[in-house]
Every structure is written in structure tokens, then in C-alpha cells.
Amino acid sequence: LQNLAGKRVSSAEMSGKILVVNFWGLWCGLCVEEMP
């Protein structure tokens, strides 16, 4: 997937690490609340 800078980042690059993946959106009130 592309990041905000337009660079494509793949899960393959993260192999061997503990990964926390959070799905969110600005339209989601609870998402925004936990962003801090």
C-alpha cells in the first residue's frame, strides 16, 4: 500500500517483526479519539 508520501510499502518488508496494524478513518469518531 502507498503511504502518505506516495511510497509503496509492503508487508513483506516487515517480515520477522511484531506488527500492530490499526484500521481507521477520520470519519470514525472512536478511531479519531484513540489516535493520540
Full PDB file with SEQRES, HELIX, SHEET, SSBOND, CRYST1, ORIGX, SCALE, CONECT and MASTER records, all heavy atoms in Angstrom:
SEQRES   1 A   36  LEU GLN ASN LEU ALA GLY LYS ARG VAL SER SER ALA GLU          
SEQRES   2 A   36  MET SER GLY LYS ILE LEU VAL VAL ASN PHE TRP GLY LEU          
SEQRES   3 A   36  TRP CYS GLY LEU CYS VAL GLU GLU MET PRO                      
HELIX    1 AA1 SER A   11  MET A   14  5                                   4    
HELIX    2 AA2 GLY A   29  GLU A   34  1                                   6    
SSBOND   1 CYS A   28    CYS A   31                          1555   1555  2.33  
CRYST1    1.000    1.000    1.000  90.00  90.00  90.00 P 1           1          
ORIGX1      1.000000  0.000000  0.000000        0.00000                         
ORIGX2      0.000000  1.000000  0.000000        0.00000                         
ORIGX3      0.000000  0.000000  1.000000        0.00000                         
SCALE1      1.000000  0.000000  0.000000        0.00000                         
SCALE2      0.000000  1.000000  0.000000        0.00000                         
SCALE3      0.000000  0.000000  1.000000        0.00000                         
ATOM      1  N   LEU A   1       0.826  -1.199   0.000  1.00  0.00           N  
ATOM      2  CA  LEU A   1       0.000   0.000   0.000  1.00  0.00           C  
ATOM      3  C   LEU A   1       0.865   1.255   0.000  1.00  0.00           C  
ATOM      4  O   LEU A   1       1.981   1.257   0.524  1.00  0.00           O  
ATOM      5  CB  LEU A   1      -0.905   0.014   1.240  1.00  0.00           C  
ATOM      6  CG  LEU A   1      -1.832  -1.192   1.429  1.00  0.00           C  
ATOM      7  CD1 LEU A   1      -2.500  -1.137   2.797  1.00  0.00           C  
ATOM      8  CD2 LEU A   1      -2.876  -1.243   0.322  1.00  0.00           C  
ATOM      9  N   GLN A   2       0.328   2.303  -0.571  1.00  0.00           N  
ATOM     10  CA  GLN A   2       1.044   3.575  -0.577  1.00  0.00           C  
ATOM     11  C   GLN A   2       0.926   4.267   0.777  1.00  0.00           C  
ATOM     12  O   GLN A   2      -0.129   4.213   1.424  1.00  0.00           O  
ATOM     13  CB  GLN A   2       0.501   4.489  -1.664  1.00  0.00           C  
ATOM     14  CG  GLN A   2       0.909   4.106  -3.075  1.00  0.00           C  
ATOM     15  CD  GLN A   2       0.549   5.171  -4.088  1.00  0.00           C  
ATOM     16  OE1 GLN A   2      -0.235   6.082  -3.816  1.00  0.00           O  
ATOM     17  NE2 GLN A   2       1.122   5.077  -5.269  1.00  0.00           N  
ATOM     18  N   ASN A   3       2.013   4.936   1.175  1.00  0.00           N  
ATOM     19  CA  ASN A   3       1.919   5.778   2.362  1.00  0.00           C  
ATOM     20  C   ASN A   3       1.549   7.196   1.949  1.00  0.00           C  
ATOM     21  O   ASN A   3       1.287   7.463   0.760  1.00  0.00           O  
ATOM     22  CB  ASN A   3       3.231   5.742   3.163  1.00  0.00           C  
ATOM     23  CG  ASN A   3       4.422   6.263   2.381  1.00  0.00           C  
ATOM     24  OD1 ASN A   3       4.284   6.963   1.370  1.00  0.00           O  
ATOM     25  ND2 ASN A   3       5.611   5.928   2.849  1.00  0.00           N  
ATOM     26  N   LEU A   4       1.503   8.113   2.899  1.00  0.00           N  
ATOM     27  CA  LEU A   4       1.067   9.473   2.584  1.00  0.00           C  
ATOM     28  C   LEU A   4       2.026  10.206   1.668  1.00  0.00           C  
ATOM     29  O   LEU A   4       1.651  11.188   1.030  1.00  0.00           O  
ATOM     30  CB  LEU A   4       0.869  10.258   3.893  1.00  0.00           C  
ATOM     31  CG  LEU A   4      -0.324   9.820   4.761  1.00  0.00           C  
ATOM     32  CD1 LEU A   4      -0.305  10.552   6.098  1.00  0.00           C  
ATOM     33  CD2 LEU A   4      -1.631  10.056   4.029  1.00  0.00           C  
ATOM     34  N   ALA A   5       3.257   9.719   1.573  1.00  0.00           N  
ATOM     35  CA  ALA A   5       4.245  10.329   0.682  1.00  0.00           C  
ATOM     36  C   ALA A   5       4.213   9.716  -0.708  1.00  0.00           C  
ATOM     37  O   ALA A   5       4.956  10.144  -1.595  1.00  0.00           O  
ATOM     38  CB  ALA A   5       5.646  10.181   1.280  1.00  0.00           C  
ATOM     39  N   GLY A   6       3.338   8.736  -0.912  1.00  0.00           N  
ATOM     40  CA  GLY A   6       3.220   8.103  -2.220  1.00  0.00           C  
ATOM     41  C   GLY A   6       4.126   6.899  -2.421  1.00  0.00           C  
ATOM     42  O   GLY A   6       4.133   6.294  -3.493  1.00  0.00           O  
ATOM     43  N   LYS A   7       4.899   6.527  -1.389  1.00  0.00           N  
ATOM     44  CA  LYS A   7       5.787   5.369  -1.498  1.00  0.00           C  
ATOM     45  C   LYS A   7       5.012   4.101  -1.176  1.00  0.00           C  
ATOM     46  O   LYS A   7       4.234   4.057  -0.228  1.00  0.00           O  
ATOM     47  CB  LYS A   7       6.958   5.512  -0.528  1.00  0.00           C  
ATOM     48  CG  LYS A   7       7.895   4.322  -0.532  1.00  0.00           C  
ATOM     49  CD  LYS A   7       9.001   4.478   0.513  1.00  0.00           C  
ATOM     50  CE  LYS A   7       9.888   3.240   0.559  1.00  0.00           C  
ATOM     51  NZ  LYS A   7      10.953   3.356   1.592  1.00  0.00           N  
ATOM     52  N   ARG A   8       5.230   3.061  -1.973  1.00  0.00           N  
ATOM     53  CA  ARG A   8       4.549   1.796  -1.734  1.00  0.00           C  
ATOM     54  C   ARG A   8       5.306   0.995  -0.674  1.00  0.00           C  
ATOM     55  O   ARG A   8       6.518   0.799  -0.760  1.00  0.00           O  
ATOM     56  CB  ARG A   8       4.425   0.991  -3.028  1.00  0.00           C  
ATOM     57  CG  ARG A   8       3.484  -0.210  -2.916  1.00  0.00           C  
ATOM     58  CD  ARG A   8       3.042  -0.708  -4.279  1.00  0.00           C  
ATOM     59  NE  ARG A   8       2.188   0.260  -4.959  1.00  0.00           N  
ATOM     60  CZ  ARG A   8       0.887   0.401  -4.749  1.00  0.00           C  
ATOM     61  NH1 ARG A   8       0.269  -0.368  -3.874  1.00  0.00           N  
ATOM     62  NH2 ARG A   8       0.203   1.311  -5.410  1.00  0.00           N  
ATOM     63  N   VAL A   9       4.577   0.554   0.327  1.00  0.00           N  
ATOM     64  CA  VAL A   9       5.146  -0.191   1.444  1.00  0.00           C  
ATOM     65  C   VAL A   9       4.466  -1.557   1.497  1.00  0.00           C  
ATOM     66  O   VAL A   9       3.236  -1.650   1.459  1.00  0.00           O  
ATOM     67  CB  VAL A   9       4.931   0.549   2.781  1.00  0.00           C  
ATOM     68  CG1 VAL A   9       5.486  -0.259   3.938  1.00  0.00           C  
ATOM     69  CG2 VAL A   9       5.551   1.936   2.719  1.00  0.00           C  
ATOM     70  N   SER A  10       5.253  -2.616   1.593  1.00  0.00           N  
ATOM     71  CA  SER A  10       4.679  -3.962   1.585  1.00  0.00           C  
ATOM     72  C   SER A  10       4.876  -4.663   2.919  1.00  0.00           C  
ATOM     73  O   SER A  10       5.826  -4.386   3.663  1.00  0.00           O  
ATOM     74  CB  SER A  10       5.309  -4.805   0.476  1.00  0.00           C  
ATOM     75  OG  SER A  10       6.627  -5.167   0.805  1.00  0.00           O  
ATOM     76  N   SER A  11       3.986  -5.576   3.196  1.00  0.00           N  
ATOM     77  CA  SER A  11       4.093  -6.369   4.419  1.00  0.00           C  
ATOM     78  C   SER A  11       5.336  -7.248   4.393  1.00  0.00           C  
ATOM     79  O   SER A  11       5.876  -7.602   5.441  1.00  0.00           O  
ATOM     80  CB  SER A  11       2.838  -7.228   4.605  1.00  0.00           C  
ATOM     81  OG  SER A  11       2.586  -8.008   3.446  1.00  0.00           O  
ATOM     82  N   ALA A  12       5.803  -7.594   3.190  1.00  0.00           N  
ATOM     83  CA  ALA A  12       6.999  -8.428   3.069  1.00  0.00           C  
ATOM     84  C   ALA A  12       8.209  -7.740   3.698  1.00  0.00           C  
ATOM     85  O   ALA A  12       9.105  -8.402   4.238  1.00  0.00           O  
ATOM     86  CB  ALA A  12       7.273  -8.743   1.604  1.00  0.00           C  
ATOM     87  N   GLU A  13       8.239  -6.403   3.651  1.00  0.00           N  
ATOM     88  CA  GLU A  13       9.340  -5.642   4.235  1.00  0.00           C  
ATOM     89  C   GLU A  13       9.346  -5.729   5.753  1.00  0.00           C  
ATOM     90  O   GLU A  13      10.349  -5.405   6.403  1.00  0.00           O  
ATOM     91  CB  GLU A  13       9.241  -4.171   3.818  1.00  0.00           C  
ATOM     92  CG  GLU A  13       9.282  -3.924   2.314  1.00  0.00           C  
ATOM     93  CD  GLU A  13       8.939  -2.484   1.971  1.00  0.00           C  
ATOM     94  OE1 GLU A  13       9.232  -1.596   2.804  1.00  0.00           O  
ATOM     95  OE2 GLU A  13       8.380  -2.241   0.901  1.00  0.00           O  
ATOM     96  N   MET A  14       8.239  -6.130   6.331  1.00  0.00           N  
ATOM     97  CA  MET A  14       8.090  -6.171   7.786  1.00  0.00           C  
ATOM     98  C   MET A  14       8.241  -7.579   8.337  1.00  0.00           C  
ATOM     99  O   MET A  14       8.013  -7.818   9.522  1.00  0.00           O  
ATOM    100  CB  MET A  14       6.715  -5.595   8.163  1.00  0.00           C  
ATOM    101  CG  MET A  14       6.454  -4.228   7.568  1.00  0.00           C  
ATOM    102  SD  MET A  14       4.749  -3.684   7.798  1.00  0.00           S  
ATOM    103  CE  MET A  14       4.726  -2.199   6.772  1.00  0.00           C  
ATOM    104  N   SER A  15       8.618  -8.497   7.508  1.00  0.00           N  
ATOM    105  CA  SER A  15       8.743  -9.898   7.904  1.00  0.00           C  
ATOM    106  C   SER A  15       9.679 -10.060   9.100  1.00  0.00           C  
ATOM    107  O   SER A  15      10.732  -9.423   9.176  1.00  0.00           O  
ATOM    108  CB  SER A  15       9.270 -10.714   6.725  1.00  0.00           C  
ATOM    109  OG  SER A  15       9.455 -12.065   7.083  1.00  0.00           O  
ATOM    110  N   GLY A  16       9.281 -10.904  10.038  1.00  0.00           N  
ATOM    111  CA  GLY A  16      10.101 -11.193  11.203  1.00  0.00           C  
ATOM    112  C   GLY A  16       9.905 -10.248  12.368  1.00  0.00           C  
ATOM    113  O   GLY A  16      10.524 -10.422  13.423  1.00  0.00           O  
ATOM    114  N   LYS A  17       9.052  -9.250  12.204  1.00  0.00           N  
ATOM    115  CA  LYS A  17       8.793  -8.283  13.275  1.00  0.00           C  
ATOM    116  C   LYS A  17       7.395  -8.476  13.855  1.00  0.00           C  
ATOM    117  O   LYS A  17       6.514  -9.055  13.216  1.00  0.00           O  
ATOM    118  CB  LYS A  17       8.943  -6.858  12.747  1.00  0.00           C  
ATOM    119  CG  LYS A  17      10.344  -6.518  12.252  1.00  0.00           C  
ATOM    120  CD  LYS A  17      10.441  -5.070  11.832  1.00  0.00           C  
ATOM    121  CE  LYS A  17      11.834  -4.738  11.312  1.00  0.00           C  
ATOM    122  NZ  LYS A  17      12.866  -4.847  12.373  1.00  0.00           N  
ATOM    123  N   ILE A  18       7.220  -7.979  15.056  1.00  0.00           N  
ATOM    124  CA  ILE A  18       5.882  -7.910  15.642  1.00  0.00           C  
ATOM    125  C   ILE A  18       5.214  -6.689  15.029  1.00  0.00           C  
ATOM    126  O   ILE A  18       5.742  -5.576  15.098  1.00  0.00           O  
ATOM    127  CB  ILE A  18       5.960  -7.779  17.173  1.00  0.00           C  
ATOM    128  CG1 ILE A  18       6.577  -9.053  17.772  1.00  0.00           C  
ATOM    129  CG2 ILE A  18       4.577  -7.507  17.759  1.00  0.00           C  
ATOM    130  CD1 ILE A  18       6.964  -8.903  19.223  1.00  0.00           C  
ATOM    131  N   LEU A  19       4.069  -6.906  14.438  1.00  0.00           N  
ATOM    132  CA  LEU A  19       3.397  -5.851  13.676  1.00  0.00           C  
ATOM    133  C   LEU A  19       2.030  -5.542  14.286  1.00  0.00           C  
ATOM    134  O   LEU A  19       1.223  -6.445  14.521  1.00  0.00           O  
ATOM    135  CB  LEU A  19       3.231  -6.316  12.229  1.00  0.00           C  
ATOM    136  CG  LEU A  19       2.620  -5.352  11.218  1.00  0.00           C  
ATOM    137  CD1 LEU A  19       3.461  -4.097  11.081  1.00  0.00           C  
ATOM    138  CD2 LEU A  19       2.476  -6.055   9.868  1.00  0.00           C  
ATOM    139  N   VAL A  20       1.800  -4.263  14.550  1.00  0.00           N  
ATOM    140  CA  VAL A  20       0.486  -3.798  15.001  1.00  0.00           C  
ATOM    141  C   VAL A  20      -0.130  -3.027  13.844  1.00  0.00           C  
ATOM    142  O   VAL A  20       0.434  -2.033  13.383  1.00  0.00           O  
ATOM    143  CB  VAL A  20       0.602  -2.892  16.241  1.00  0.00           C  
ATOM    144  CG1 VAL A  20      -0.784  -2.379  16.661  1.00  0.00           C  
ATOM    145  CG2 VAL A  20       1.266  -3.638  17.395  1.00  0.00           C  
ATOM    146  N   VAL A  21      -1.266  -3.500  13.351  1.00  0.00           N  
ATOM    147  CA  VAL A  21      -1.936  -2.878  12.209  1.00  0.00           C  
ATOM    148  C   VAL A  21      -3.289  -2.343  12.670  1.00  0.00           C  
ATOM    149  O   VAL A  21      -4.182  -3.118  13.023  1.00  0.00           O  
ATOM    150  CB  VAL A  21      -2.140  -3.871  11.049  1.00  0.00           C  
ATOM    151  CG1 VAL A  21      -2.736  -3.157   9.844  1.00  0.00           C  
ATOM    152  CG2 VAL A  21      -0.829  -4.552  10.682  1.00  0.00           C  
ATOM    153  N   ASN A  22      -3.423  -1.022  12.645  1.00  0.00           N  
ATOM    154  CA  ASN A  22      -4.659  -0.382  13.093  1.00  0.00           C  
ATOM    155  C   ASN A  22      -5.415   0.180  11.892  1.00  0.00           C  
ATOM    156  O   ASN A  22      -4.868   0.951  11.109  1.00  0.00           O  
ATOM    157  CB  ASN A  22      -4.331   0.744  14.087  1.00  0.00           C  
ATOM    158  CG  ASN A  22      -5.556   1.524  14.515  1.00  0.00           C  
ATOM    159  OD1 ASN A  22      -5.895   2.539  13.924  1.00  0.00           O  
ATOM    160  ND2 ASN A  22      -6.214   1.053  15.555  1.00  0.00           N  
ATOM    161  N   PHE A  23      -6.681  -0.220  11.739  1.00  0.00           N  
ATOM    162  CA  PHE A  23      -7.537   0.273  10.651  1.00  0.00           C  
ATOM    163  C   PHE A  23      -8.396   1.406  11.193  1.00  0.00           C  
ATOM    164  O   PHE A  23      -9.095   1.244  12.197  1.00  0.00           O  
ATOM    165  CB  PHE A  23      -8.429  -0.855  10.135  1.00  0.00           C  
ATOM    166  CG  PHE A  23      -7.671  -1.969   9.473  1.00  0.00           C  
ATOM    167  CD1 PHE A  23      -7.139  -3.017  10.223  1.00  0.00           C  
ATOM    168  CD2 PHE A  23      -7.491  -1.986   8.095  1.00  0.00           C  
ATOM    169  CE1 PHE A  23      -6.440  -4.054   9.613  1.00  0.00           C  
ATOM    170  CE2 PHE A  23      -6.794  -3.015   7.471  1.00  0.00           C  
ATOM    171  CZ  PHE A  23      -6.261  -4.053   8.236  1.00  0.00           C  
ATOM    172  N   TRP A  24      -8.375   2.545  10.488  1.00  0.00           N  
ATOM    173  CA  TRP A  24      -9.077   3.721  10.986  1.00  0.00           C  
ATOM    174  C   TRP A  24      -9.503   4.637   9.849  1.00  0.00           C  
ATOM    175  O   TRP A  24      -9.258   4.366   8.682  1.00  0.00           O  
ATOM    176  CB  TRP A  24      -8.171   4.493  11.947  1.00  0.00           C  
ATOM    177  CG  TRP A  24      -7.010   5.179  11.274  1.00  0.00           C  
ATOM    178  CD1 TRP A  24      -5.958   4.582  10.634  1.00  0.00           C  
ATOM    179  CD2 TRP A  24      -6.794   6.591  11.154  1.00  0.00           C  
ATOM    180  NE1 TRP A  24      -5.088   5.531  10.131  1.00  0.00           N  
ATOM    181  CE2 TRP A  24      -5.567   6.769  10.445  1.00  0.00           C  
ATOM    182  CE3 TRP A  24      -7.495   7.706  11.597  1.00  0.00           C  
ATOM    183  CZ2 TRP A  24      -5.053   8.034  10.164  1.00  0.00           C  
ATOM    184  CZ3 TRP A  24      -6.971   8.966  11.316  1.00  0.00           C  
ATOM    185  CH2 TRP A  24      -5.757   9.119  10.618  1.00  0.00           C  
ATOM    186  N   GLY A  25     -10.171   5.729  10.214  1.00  0.00           N  
ATOM    187  CA  GLY A  25     -10.563   6.747   9.244  1.00  0.00           C  
ATOM    188  C   GLY A  25     -10.984   8.001   9.990  1.00  0.00           C  
ATOM    189  O   GLY A  25     -11.455   7.925  11.133  1.00  0.00           O  
ATOM    190  N   LEU A  26     -10.830   9.152   9.364  1.00  0.00           N  
ATOM    191  CA  LEU A  26     -11.224  10.397  10.004  1.00  0.00           C  
ATOM    192  C   LEU A  26     -12.734  10.470  10.227  1.00  0.00           C  
ATOM    193  O   LEU A  26     -13.201  11.222  11.087  1.00  0.00           O  
ATOM    194  CB  LEU A  26     -10.773  11.590   9.145  1.00  0.00           C  
ATOM    195  CG  LEU A  26      -9.261  11.823   9.052  1.00  0.00           C  
ATOM    196  CD1 LEU A  26      -8.975  12.995   8.118  1.00  0.00           C  
ATOM    197  CD2 LEU A  26      -8.662  12.070  10.426  1.00  0.00           C  
ATOM    198  N   TRP A  27     -13.483   9.715   9.458  1.00  0.00           N  
ATOM    199  CA  TRP A  27     -14.943   9.697   9.581  1.00  0.00           C  
ATOM    200  C   TRP A  27     -15.393   8.899  10.800  1.00  0.00           C  
ATOM    201  O   TRP A  27     -16.567   8.948  11.190  1.00  0.00           O  
ATOM    202  CB  TRP A  27     -15.550   9.075   8.321  1.00  0.00           C  
ATOM    203  CG  TRP A  27     -14.923   7.746   7.979  1.00  0.00           C  
ATOM    204  CD1 TRP A  27     -13.863   7.527   7.153  1.00  0.00           C  
ATOM    205  CD2 TRP A  27     -15.289   6.472   8.500  1.00  0.00           C  
ATOM    206  NE1 TRP A  27     -13.543   6.189   7.110  1.00  0.00           N  
ATOM    207  CE2 TRP A  27     -14.410   5.512   7.928  1.00  0.00           C  
ATOM    208  CE3 TRP A  27     -16.279   6.034   9.369  1.00  0.00           C  
ATOM    209  CZ2 TRP A  27     -14.486   4.156   8.216  1.00  0.00           C  
ATOM    210  CZ3 TRP A  27     -16.357   4.684   9.668  1.00  0.00           C  
ATOM    211  CH2 TRP A  27     -15.473   3.758   9.098  1.00  0.00           C  
ATOM    212  N   CYS A  28     -14.478   8.153  11.401  1.00  0.00           N  
ATOM    213  CA  CYS A  28     -14.792   7.266  12.526  1.00  0.00           C  
ATOM    214  C   CYS A  28     -14.447   7.956  13.837  1.00  0.00           C  
ATOM    215  O   CYS A  28     -13.271   8.146  14.151  1.00  0.00           O  
ATOM    216  CB  CYS A  28     -14.010   5.955  12.366  1.00  0.00           C  
ATOM    217  SG  CYS A  28     -13.980   4.908  13.842  1.00  0.00           S  
ATOM    218  N   GLY A  29     -15.462   8.337  14.598  1.00  0.00           N  
ATOM    219  CA  GLY A  29     -15.243   9.076  15.839  1.00  0.00           C  
ATOM    220  C   GLY A  29     -14.371   8.352  16.849  1.00  0.00           C  
ATOM    221  O   GLY A  29     -13.474   8.941  17.451  1.00  0.00           O  
ATOM    222  N   LEU A  30     -14.625   7.065  17.050  1.00  0.00           N  
ATOM    223  CA  LEU A  30     -13.837   6.304  18.014  1.00  0.00           C  
ATOM    224  C   LEU A  30     -12.390   6.140  17.548  1.00  0.00           C  
ATOM    225  O   LEU A  30     -11.461   6.110  18.361  1.00  0.00           O  
ATOM    226  CB  LEU A  30     -14.471   4.932  18.244  1.00  0.00           C  
ATOM    227  CG  LEU A  30     -15.780   4.925  19.033  1.00  0.00           C  
ATOM    228  CD1 LEU A  30     -16.342   3.510  19.131  1.00  0.00           C  
ATOM    229  CD2 LEU A  30     -15.587   5.501  20.436  1.00  0.00           C  
ATOM    230  N   CYS A  31     -12.205   6.033  16.227  1.00  0.00           N  
ATOM    231  CA  CYS A  31     -10.845   5.953  15.679  1.00  0.00           C  
ATOM    232  C   CYS A  31     -10.063   7.221  16.013  1.00  0.00           C  
ATOM    233  O   CYS A  31      -8.932   7.166  16.513  1.00  0.00           O  
ATOM    234  CB  CYS A  31     -10.878   5.777  14.165  1.00  0.00           C  
ATOM    235  SG  CYS A  31     -11.744   4.306  13.576  1.00  0.00           S  
ATOM    236  N   VAL A  32     -10.671   8.360  15.734  1.00  0.00           N  
ATOM    237  CA  VAL A  32     -10.019   9.645  15.970  1.00  0.00           C  
ATOM    238  C   VAL A  32      -9.721   9.824  17.458  1.00  0.00           C  
ATOM    239  O   VAL A  32      -8.665  10.344  17.841  1.00  0.00           O  
ATOM    240  CB  VAL A  32     -10.902  10.797  15.444  1.00  0.00           C  
ATOM    241  CG1 VAL A  32     -10.353  12.145  15.883  1.00  0.00           C  
ATOM    242  CG2 VAL A  32     -11.003  10.734  13.921  1.00  0.00           C  
ATOM    243  N   GLU A  33     -10.645   9.359  18.298  1.00  0.00           N  
ATOM    244  CA  GLU A  33     -10.471   9.503  19.740  1.00  0.00           C  
ATOM    245  C   GLU A  33      -9.240   8.764  20.248  1.00  0.00           C  
ATOM    246  O   GLU A  33      -8.583   9.216  21.194  1.00  0.00           O  
ATOM    247  CB  GLU A  33     -11.729   8.998  20.471  1.00  0.00           C  
ATOM    248  CG  GLU A  33     -11.710   9.247  21.959  1.00  0.00           C  
ATOM    249  CD  GLU A  33     -13.033   8.919  22.621  1.00  0.00           C  
ATOM    250  OE1 GLU A  33     -14.057   8.896  21.915  1.00  0.00           O  
ATOM    251  OE2 GLU A  33     -13.043   8.698  23.848  1.00  0.00           O  
ATOM    252  N   GLU A  34      -8.912   7.628  19.624  1.00  0.00           N  
ATOM    253  CA  GLU A  34      -7.771   6.867  20.121  1.00  0.00           C  
ATOM    254  C   GLU A  34      -6.463   7.182  19.391  1.00  0.00           C  
ATOM    255  O   GLU A  34      -5.412   6.642  19.730  1.00  0.00           O  
ATOM    256  CB  GLU A  34      -8.058   5.361  20.071  1.00  0.00           C  
ATOM    257  CG  GLU A  34      -8.139   4.743  18.706  1.00  0.00           C  
ATOM    258  CD  GLU A  34      -8.381   3.239  18.766  1.00  0.00           C  
ATOM    259  OE1 GLU A  34      -8.720   2.710  19.844  1.00  0.00           O  
ATOM    260  OE2 GLU A  34      -8.239   2.584  17.725  1.00  0.00           O  
ATOM    261  N   MET A  35      -6.498   8.069  18.402  1.00  0.00           N  
ATOM    262  CA  MET A  35      -5.272   8.397  17.679  1.00  0.00           C  
ATOM    263  C   MET A  35      -4.172   9.011  18.555  1.00  0.00           C  
ATOM    264  O   MET A  35      -2.985   8.731  18.325  1.00  0.00           O  
ATOM    265  CB  MET A  35      -5.577   9.321  16.501  1.00  0.00           C  
ATOM    266  CG  MET A  35      -6.215   8.631  15.308  1.00  0.00           C  
ATOM    267  SD  MET A  35      -5.193   7.283  14.613  1.00  0.00           S  
ATOM    268  CE  MET A  35      -6.134   5.843  15.161  1.00  0.00           C  
ATOM    269  N   PRO A  36      -4.489   9.836  19.563  1.00  0.00           N  
ATOM    270  CA  PRO A  36      -3.408  10.308  20.436  1.00  0.00           C  
ATOM    271  C   PRO A  36      -2.658   9.150  21.096  1.00  0.00           C  
ATOM    272  O   PRO A  36      -1.428   9.206  21.254  1.00  0.00           O  
ATOM    273  CB  PRO A  36      -4.141  11.175  21.470  1.00  0.00           C  
ATOM    274  CG  PRO A  36      -5.362  11.653  20.749  1.00  0.00           C  
ATOM    275  CD  PRO A  36      -5.779  10.497  19.882  1.00  0.00           C  
TER     276      PRO A  36                                                      
CONECT  217  235                                                                
CONECT  235  217                                                                
MASTER        0    0    0    2    0    0    0    6  275    1    2    3          
END                                                                             
